Amino acid sequence: MTSDSIGNSFITINPPELRFQFELEKQTFCDLKVLNKTEYFVAFKVKTTSPKKYFVRPNTGVIHPWDSCIIRVTLQAQQEFPPDMQCKDKFLIQTTTLDSNTDVDDLPPDTFNKDSGKLTEELKLRVVYVSPSSPQESTSDDTKNPAQKLDTYSSQTLQQLKEEIDAAAREMRQLQQELDMLKRRRNRRSDRGFSFIFAMFVGLIGILFGFLLKLSLSSPPTQ
């Protein structure tokens, strides 16, 4: 385990804290990569001290042996800045291994109950708010000539494009994980609604690709 991750005997989480670029009246998100470093199926559950402020997807699930998943935590749009940009919110991730005969698509209610005698481990993550820019950076930008500003804008555009592509790739991996789970449920329960849900996923993936294509074809404005 490196300094940019935390973990227990079941999983490793990267990054070790939730960092959100805080802007008023704007949603922002942070992705957590959770790696199962065991030969067992590991179930996880995400809790937070401020459930109304955050949307967690997925907030519970099962990771296959030596596999990983992405948990996206979205900070809902806020109407005011926190004092000194400090956040006291905390996240708790509970983990436990599953018996080989457990239905991973329908976990028992007592899966994470410590009183059941099963080994359950917890990881705590703090929340950090980051300002999108500082006054010093804005002042420095004003002193640049047009060519320097264009170069800066181009670099920022490329970086934003890379971040959007990475985010879309993570989203597609998460959609694939959920699609695999739906397929397993269909095979076990003959779920007739699967075709409609599958069409929704295909449509969403198409929208994501369309957005990325439009963004990649855009060019920075001339000075």
C-alpha atoms as a PDB file:
ATOM      1  CA  MET A   1       0.000   0.000   0.000  1.00  0.00           C
ATOM      2  CA  THR A   2       1.409   3.386  -1.055  1.00  0.00           C
ATOM      3  CA  SER A   3       0.999   6.808   0.520  1.00  0.00           C
ATOM      4  CA  ASP A   4      -1.704   7.687  -2.001  1.00  0.00           C
ATOM      5  CA  SER A   5      -3.981   4.877  -0.823  1.00  0.00           C
ATOM      6  CA  ILE A   6      -5.363   3.334   2.342  1.00  0.00           C
ATOM      7  CA  GLY A   7      -6.571  -0.164   3.068  1.00  0.00           C
ATOM      8  CA  ASN A   8      -7.257  -3.039   5.405  1.00  0.00           C
ATOM      9  CA  SER A   9      -6.817  -6.783   5.076  1.00  0.00           C
ATOM     10  CA  PHE A  10      -9.602  -6.952   2.431  1.00  0.00           C
ATOM     11  CA  ILE A  11      -9.318  -3.893   0.191  1.00  0.00           C
ATOM     12  CA  THR A  12      -7.178  -0.957  -0.894  1.00  0.00           C
ATOM     13  CA  ILE A  13      -8.746   2.437  -1.658  1.00  0.00           C
ATOM     14  CA  ASN A  14      -7.264   5.132  -3.872  1.00  0.00           C
ATOM     15  CA  PRO A  15      -7.188   8.061  -3.163  1.00  0.00           C
ATOM     16  CA  PRO A  16      -7.042   7.980   0.657  1.00  0.00           C
ATOM     17  CA  GLU A  17      -9.403  10.955   1.029  1.00  0.00           C
ATOM     18  CA  LEU A  18     -12.311  12.512  -0.832  1.00  0.00           C
ATOM     19  CA  ARG A  19     -11.246  15.763  -2.527  1.00  0.00           C
ATOM     20  CA  PHE A  20     -13.908  17.975  -4.109  1.00  0.00           C
ATOM     21  CA  GLN A  21     -13.283  21.104  -6.169  1.00  0.00           C
ATOM     22  CA  PHE A  22     -15.810  23.294  -4.391  1.00  0.00           C
ATOM     23  CA  GLU A  23     -17.894  25.795  -6.364  1.00  0.00           C
ATOM     24  CA  LEU A  24     -21.182  27.372  -5.312  1.00  0.00           C
ATOM     25  CA  GLU A  25     -24.362  25.977  -6.884  1.00  0.00           C
ATOM     26  CA  LYS A  26     -22.420  23.350  -8.802  1.00  0.00           C
ATOM     27  CA  GLN A  27     -22.188  19.580  -8.404  1.00  0.00           C
ATOM     28  CA  THR A  28     -18.770  17.990  -8.249  1.00  0.00           C
ATOM     29  CA  PHE A  29     -17.611  14.418  -7.775  1.00  0.00           C
ATOM     30  CA  CYS A  30     -14.737  12.280  -6.575  1.00  0.00           C
ATOM     31  CA  ASP A  31     -14.041   8.710  -7.724  1.00  0.00           C
ATOM     32  CA  LEU A  32     -12.670   6.047  -5.406  1.00  0.00           C
ATOM     33  CA  LYS A  33     -10.987   2.955  -6.837  1.00  0.00           C
ATOM     34  CA  VAL A  34     -11.552  -0.008  -4.522  1.00  0.00           C
ATOM     35  CA  LEU A  35      -9.336  -3.062  -5.057  1.00  0.00           C
ATOM     36  CA  ASN A  36     -10.130  -6.480  -3.617  1.00  0.00           C
ATOM     37  CA  LYS A  37      -6.731  -7.905  -2.701  1.00  0.00           C
ATOM     38  CA  THR A  38      -7.997 -11.300  -1.550  1.00  0.00           C
ATOM     39  CA  GLU A  39      -9.079 -14.583  -3.127  1.00  0.00           C
ATOM     40  CA  TYR A  40     -12.587 -14.140  -1.698  1.00  0.00           C
ATOM     41  CA  PHE A  41     -15.675 -12.189  -2.682  1.00  0.00           C
ATOM     42  CA  VAL A  42     -15.646  -8.958  -0.646  1.00  0.00           C
ATOM     43  CA  ALA A  43     -18.831  -7.018   0.092  1.00  0.00           C
ATOM     44  CA  PHE A  44     -18.682  -3.299   0.853  1.00  0.00           C
ATOM     45  CA  LYS A  45     -21.067  -0.634   2.141  1.00  0.00           C
ATOM     46  CA  VAL A  46     -20.517   3.144   2.155  1.00  0.00           C
ATOM     47  CA  LYS A  47     -21.849   5.399   4.915  1.00  0.00           C
ATOM     48  CA  THR A  48     -21.455   9.128   5.511  1.00  0.00           C
ATOM     49  CA  THR A  49     -22.148  11.571   8.325  1.00  0.00           C
ATOM     50  CA  SER A  50     -23.986  13.858   5.859  1.00  0.00           C
ATOM     51  CA  PRO A  51     -26.156  11.626   3.626  1.00  0.00           C
ATOM     52  CA  LYS A  52     -28.218  14.558   2.290  1.00  0.00           C
ATOM     53  CA  LYS A  53     -25.130  16.281   0.848  1.00  0.00           C
ATOM     54  CA  TYR A  54     -23.699  13.344  -1.090  1.00  0.00           C
ATOM     55  CA  PHE A  55     -24.869  10.820  -3.656  1.00  0.00           C
ATOM     56  CA  VAL A  56     -22.895   7.568  -3.632  1.00  0.00           C
ATOM     57  CA  ARG A  57     -23.030   5.147  -6.562  1.00  0.00           C
ATOM     58  CA  PRO A  58     -22.878   2.323  -5.780  1.00  0.00           C
ATOM     59  CA  ASN A  59     -23.245   2.595  -2.008  1.00  0.00           C
ATOM     60  CA  THR A  60     -23.073  -1.170  -1.582  1.00  0.00           C
ATOM     61  CA  GLY A  61     -21.799  -4.022  -3.700  1.00  0.00           C
ATOM     62  CA  VAL A  62     -19.537  -7.036  -4.105  1.00  0.00           C
ATOM     63  CA  ILE A  63     -16.037  -7.099  -5.593  1.00  0.00           C
ATOM     64  CA  HIS A  64     -14.779 -10.317  -7.147  1.00  0.00           C
ATOM     65  CA  PRO A  65     -11.423 -11.789  -6.073  1.00  0.00           C
ATOM     66  CA  TRP A  66      -8.464  -9.649  -7.193  1.00  0.00           C
ATOM     67  CA  ASP A  67     -10.864  -7.341  -9.019  1.00  0.00           C
ATOM     68  CA  SER A  68     -11.692  -3.667  -8.478  1.00  0.00           C
ATOM     69  CA  CYS A  69     -14.595  -1.256  -8.830  1.00  0.00           C
ATOM     70  CA  ILE A  70     -15.152   2.503  -8.962  1.00  0.00           C
ATOM     71  CA  ILE A  71     -17.313   4.264  -6.381  1.00  0.00           C
ATOM     72  CA  ARG A  72     -18.407   7.738  -7.478  1.00  0.00           C
ATOM     73  CA  VAL A  73     -19.255  10.170  -4.679  1.00  0.00           C
ATOM     74  CA  THR A  74     -21.091  13.298  -5.865  1.00  0.00           C
ATOM     75  CA  LEU A  75     -21.246  16.442  -3.739  1.00  0.00           C
ATOM     76  CA  GLN A  76     -24.626  18.092  -4.323  1.00  0.00           C
ATOM     77  CA  ALA A  77     -24.702  21.784  -5.268  1.00  0.00           C
ATOM     78  CA  GLN A  78     -24.162  23.939  -2.188  1.00  0.00           C
ATOM     79  CA  GLN A  79     -25.587  27.417  -1.587  1.00  0.00           C
ATOM     80  CA  GLU A  80     -22.814  28.787   0.627  1.00  0.00           C
ATOM     81  CA  PHE A  81     -19.141  28.316   1.352  1.00  0.00           C
ATOM     82  CA  PRO A  82     -18.189  26.371   4.501  1.00  0.00           C
ATOM     83  CA  PRO A  83     -16.248  28.349   7.153  1.00  0.00           C
ATOM     84  CA  ASP A  84     -12.581  28.580   6.107  1.00  0.00           C
ATOM     85  CA  MET A  85     -13.310  25.974   3.396  1.00  0.00           C
ATOM     86  CA  GLN A  86     -13.049  23.299   6.075  1.00  0.00           C
ATOM     87  CA  CYS A  87     -15.250  20.206   5.955  1.00  0.00           C
ATOM     88  CA  LYS A  88     -16.039  17.955   8.906  1.00  0.00           C
ATOM     89  CA  ASP A  89     -17.896  15.322   6.890  1.00  0.00           C
ATOM     90  CA  LYS A  90     -16.645  11.755   7.144  1.00  0.00           C
ATOM     91  CA  PHE A  91     -17.148   8.574   5.147  1.00  0.00           C
ATOM     92  CA  LEU A  92     -17.081   5.029   6.472  1.00  0.00           C
ATOM     93  CA  ILE A  93     -16.560   1.991   4.247  1.00  0.00           C
ATOM     94  CA  GLN A  94     -17.478  -1.357   5.786  1.00  0.00           C
ATOM     95  CA  THR A  95     -16.086  -4.551   4.292  1.00  0.00           C
ATOM     96  CA  THR A  96     -16.472  -8.260   4.881  1.00  0.00           C
ATOM     97  CA  THR A  97     -15.879 -11.499   2.994  1.00  0.00           C
ATOM     98  CA  LEU A  98     -18.741 -13.656   1.756  1.00  0.00           C
ATOM     99  CA  ASP A  99     -19.386 -17.371   1.940  1.00  0.00           C
ATOM    100  CA  SER A 100     -19.092 -19.190  -1.366  1.00  0.00           C
ATOM    101  CA  ASN A 101     -22.838 -19.931  -1.407  1.00  0.00           C
ATOM    102  CA  THR A 102     -23.942 -16.312  -0.825  1.00  0.00           C
ATOM    103  CA  ASP A 103     -26.111 -14.702  -3.498  1.00  0.00           C
ATOM    104  CA  VAL A 104     -23.961 -11.663  -4.380  1.00  0.00           C
ATOM    105  CA  ASP A 105     -26.955  -9.956  -6.036  1.00  0.00           C
ATOM    106  CA  ASP A 106     -29.100 -10.121  -2.917  1.00  0.00           C
ATOM    107  CA  LEU A 107     -26.999  -9.637   0.213  1.00  0.00           C
ATOM    108  CA  PRO A 108     -28.532 -10.618   3.573  1.00  0.00           C
ATOM    109  CA  PRO A 109     -29.527  -7.706   5.848  1.00  0.00           C
ATOM    110  CA  ASP A 110     -26.952  -8.725   8.484  1.00  0.00           C
ATOM    111  CA  THR A 111     -24.016  -8.819   6.037  1.00  0.00           C
ATOM    112  CA  PHE A 112     -22.143  -6.035   7.850  1.00  0.00           C
ATOM    113  CA  ASN A 113     -23.450  -6.778  11.356  1.00  0.00           C
ATOM    114  CA  LYS A 114     -20.495  -7.287  13.681  1.00  0.00           C
ATOM    115  CA  ASP A 115     -22.689  -9.218  16.124  1.00  0.00           C
ATOM    116  CA  SER A 116     -23.162 -11.985  13.553  1.00  0.00           C
ATOM    117  CA  GLY A 117     -19.666 -13.271  14.296  1.00  0.00           C
ATOM    118  CA  LYS A 118     -18.262 -12.485  10.857  1.00  0.00           C
ATOM    119  CA  LEU A 119     -15.070 -10.484  10.472  1.00  0.00           C
ATOM    120  CA  THR A 120     -16.053  -6.963   9.429  1.00  0.00           C
ATOM    121  CA  GLU A 121     -13.488  -4.229   8.893  1.00  0.00           C
ATOM    122  CA  GLU A 122     -13.963  -0.477   8.472  1.00  0.00           C
ATOM    123  CA  LEU A 123     -12.078   2.348   6.778  1.00  0.00           C
ATOM    124  CA  LYS A 124     -12.660   6.037   7.479  1.00  0.00           C
ATOM    125  CA  LEU A 125     -12.142   8.715   4.832  1.00  0.00           C
ATOM    126  CA  ARG A 126     -12.144  12.459   5.419  1.00  0.00           C
ATOM    127  CA  VAL A 127     -13.486  15.085   3.024  1.00  0.00           C
ATOM    128  CA  VAL A 128     -11.372  17.958   1.677  1.00  0.00           C
ATOM    129  CA  TYR A 129     -12.711  20.968  -0.228  1.00  0.00           C
ATOM    130  CA  VAL A 130     -10.409  22.557  -2.805  1.00  0.00           C
ATOM    131  CA  SER A 131     -10.890  26.035  -4.268  1.00  0.00           C
ATOM    132  CA  PRO A 132     -10.968  26.058  -8.102  1.00  0.00           C
ATOM    133  CA  SER A 133      -8.548  29.006  -8.229  1.00  0.00           C
ATOM    134  CA  SER A 134      -6.863  31.528  -5.986  1.00  0.00           C
ATOM    135  CA  PRO A 135      -6.649  35.366  -6.287  1.00  0.00           C
ATOM    136  CA  GLN A 136      -2.889  35.084  -6.876  1.00  0.00           C
ATOM    137  CA  GLU A 137      -3.447  32.875  -9.897  1.00  0.00           C
ATOM    138  CA  SER A 138      -5.997  35.319 -11.345  1.00  0.00           C
ATOM    139  CA  THR A 139      -3.593  38.238 -10.929  1.00  0.00           C
ATOM    140  CA  SER A 140      -0.812  36.290 -12.615  1.00  0.00           C
ATOM    141  CA  ASP A 141      -3.045  35.508 -15.600  1.00  0.00           C
ATOM    142  CA  ASP A 142      -3.745  39.227 -16.133  1.00  0.00           C
ATOM    143  CA  THR A 143      -0.030  39.895 -16.728  1.00  0.00           C
ATOM    144  CA  LYS A 144       0.289  37.367 -19.552  1.00  0.00           C
ATOM    145  CA  ASN A 145       0.342  38.444 -23.202  1.00  0.00           C
ATOM    146  CA  PRO A 146      -2.295  37.067 -25.649  1.00  0.00           C
ATOM    147  CA  ALA A 147       0.003  34.305 -26.939  1.00  0.00           C
ATOM    148  CA  GLN A 148       0.746  33.107 -23.402  1.00  0.00           C
ATOM    149  CA  LYS A 149      -2.949  33.225 -22.533  1.00  0.00           C
ATOM    150  CA  LEU A 150      -3.762  31.144 -25.624  1.00  0.00           C
ATOM    151  CA  ASP A 151      -1.110  28.566 -24.700  1.00  0.00           C
ATOM    152  CA  THR A 152      -2.477  28.456 -21.158  1.00  0.00           C
ATOM    153  CA  TYR A 153      -6.024  28.075 -22.435  1.00  0.00           C
ATOM    154  CA  SER A 154      -4.969  25.295 -24.813  1.00  0.00           C
ATOM    155  CA  SER A 155      -3.230  23.424 -21.997  1.00  0.00           C
ATOM    156  CA  GLN A 156      -6.253  23.831 -19.758  1.00  0.00           C
ATOM    157  CA  THR A 157      -8.569  22.642 -22.551  1.00  0.00           C
ATOM    158  CA  LEU A 158      -6.443  19.554 -23.174  1.00  0.00           C
ATOM    159  CA  GLN A 159      -6.309  18.805 -19.461  1.00  0.00           C
ATOM    160  CA  GLN A 160     -10.078  19.228 -19.162  1.00  0.00           C
ATOM    161  CA  LEU A 161     -10.581  16.933 -22.162  1.00  0.00           C
ATOM    162  CA  LYS A 162      -8.334  14.299 -20.586  1.00  0.00           C
ATOM    163  CA  GLU A 163     -10.235  14.526 -17.299  1.00  0.00           C
ATOM    164  CA  GLU A 164     -13.575  14.214 -19.112  1.00  0.00           C
ATOM    165  CA  ILE A 165     -12.346  11.160 -21.058  1.00  0.00           C
ATOM    166  CA  ASP A 166     -11.018   9.532 -17.880  1.00  0.00           C
ATOM    167  CA  ALA A 167     -14.283  10.244 -16.077  1.00  0.00           C
ATOM    168  CA  ALA A 168     -16.300   8.821 -18.964  1.00  0.00           C
ATOM    169  CA  ALA A 169     -14.120   5.710 -19.020  1.00  0.00           C
ATOM    170  CA  ARG A 170     -14.671   5.197 -15.299  1.00  0.00           C
ATOM    171  CA  GLU A 171     -18.401   5.717 -15.780  1.00  0.00           C
ATOM    172  CA  MET A 172     -18.476   3.148 -18.576  1.00  0.00           C
ATOM    173  CA  ARG A 173     -16.636   0.624 -16.410  1.00  0.00           C
ATOM    174  CA  GLN A 174     -19.185   1.188 -13.674  1.00  0.00           C
ATOM    175  CA  LEU A 175     -22.034   0.807 -16.162  1.00  0.00           C
ATOM    176  CA  GLN A 176     -20.477  -2.452 -17.370  1.00  0.00           C
ATOM    177  CA  GLN A 177     -20.307  -3.732 -13.786  1.00  0.00           C
ATOM    178  CA  GLU A 178     -23.964  -2.895 -13.241  1.00  0.00           C
ATOM    179  CA  LEU A 179     -24.863  -4.427 -16.596  1.00  0.00           C
ATOM    180  CA  ASP A 180     -23.093  -7.662 -15.626  1.00  0.00           C
ATOM    181  CA  MET A 181     -25.049  -7.697 -12.376  1.00  0.00           C
ATOM    182  CA  LEU A 182     -28.323  -7.210 -14.277  1.00  0.00           C
ATOM    183  CA  LYS A 183     -27.399 -10.058 -16.596  1.00  0.00           C
ATOM    184  CA  ARG A 184     -26.833 -12.353 -13.631  1.00  0.00           C
ATOM    185  CA  ARG A 185     -30.169 -11.334 -12.181  1.00  0.00           C
ATOM    186  CA  ARG A 186     -31.888 -12.019 -15.490  1.00  0.00           C
ATOM    187  CA  ASN A 187     -30.366 -15.483 -15.711  1.00  0.00           C
ATOM    188  CA  ARG A 188     -31.445 -16.301 -12.165  1.00  0.00           C
ATOM    189  CA  ARG A 189     -34.876 -14.694 -12.085  1.00  0.00           C
ATOM    190  CA  SER A 190     -35.829 -14.264 -15.786  1.00  0.00           C
ATOM    191  CA  ASP A 191     -36.286 -10.535 -15.272  1.00  0.00           C
ATOM    192  CA  ARG A 192     -38.485  -9.313 -18.164  1.00  0.00           C
ATOM    193  CA  GLY A 193     -37.528  -5.718 -17.551  1.00  0.00           C
ATOM    194  CA  PHE A 194     -33.911  -6.359 -18.428  1.00  0.00           C
ATOM    195  CA  SER A 195     -34.264  -5.416 -22.119  1.00  0.00           C
ATOM    196  CA  PHE A 196     -35.592  -1.961 -21.212  1.00  0.00           C
ATOM    197  CA  ILE A 197     -32.809  -1.383 -18.665  1.00  0.00           C
ATOM    198  CA  PHE A 198     -30.228  -2.610 -21.156  1.00  0.00           C
ATOM    199  CA  ALA A 199     -31.540  -0.125 -23.731  1.00  0.00           C
ATOM    200  CA  MET A 200     -31.191   2.663 -21.163  1.00  0.00           C
ATOM    201  CA  PHE A 201     -27.544   1.742 -20.545  1.00  0.00           C
ATOM    202  CA  VAL A 202     -26.792   1.599 -24.279  1.00  0.00           C
ATOM    203  CA  GLY A 203     -28.426   4.997 -24.741  1.00  0.00           C
ATOM    204  CA  LEU A 204     -26.414   6.502 -21.877  1.00  0.00           C
ATOM    205  CA  ILE A 205     -23.169   5.144 -23.287  1.00  0.00           C
ATOM    206  CA  GLY A 206     -24.078   6.644 -26.669  1.00  0.00           C
ATOM    207  CA  ILE A 207     -24.684  10.035 -25.057  1.00  0.00           C
ATOM    208  CA  LEU A 208     -21.312   9.865 -23.299  1.00  0.00           C
ATOM    209  CA  PHE A 209     -19.494   9.077 -26.540  1.00  0.00           C
ATOM    210  CA  GLY A 210     -21.346  11.873 -28.332  1.00  0.00           C
ATOM    211  CA  PHE A 211     -20.374  14.375 -25.646  1.00  0.00           C
ATOM    212  CA  LEU A 212     -16.706  13.310 -25.770  1.00  0.00           C
ATOM    213  CA  LEU A 213     -16.663  13.531 -29.576  1.00  0.00           C
ATOM    214  CA  LYS A 214     -18.153  17.028 -29.485  1.00  0.00           C
ATOM    215  CA  LEU A 215     -15.666  18.127 -26.827  1.00  0.00           C
ATOM    216  CA  SER A 216     -12.665  16.687 -28.681  1.00  0.00           C
ATOM    217  CA  LEU A 217     -13.641  18.512 -31.897  1.00  0.00           C
ATOM    218  CA  SER A 218     -13.988  21.872 -30.168  1.00  0.00           C
ATOM    219  CA  SER A 219     -11.096  24.350 -30.436  1.00  0.00           C
ATOM    220  CA  PRO A 220     -10.017  27.232 -28.145  1.00  0.00           C
ATOM    221  CA  PRO A 221     -11.215  30.718 -29.162  1.00  0.00           C
ATOM    222  CA  THR A 222      -8.821  32.996 -31.022  1.00  0.00           C
ATOM    223  CA  GLN A 223      -7.447  36.031 -29.245  1.00  0.00           C
END
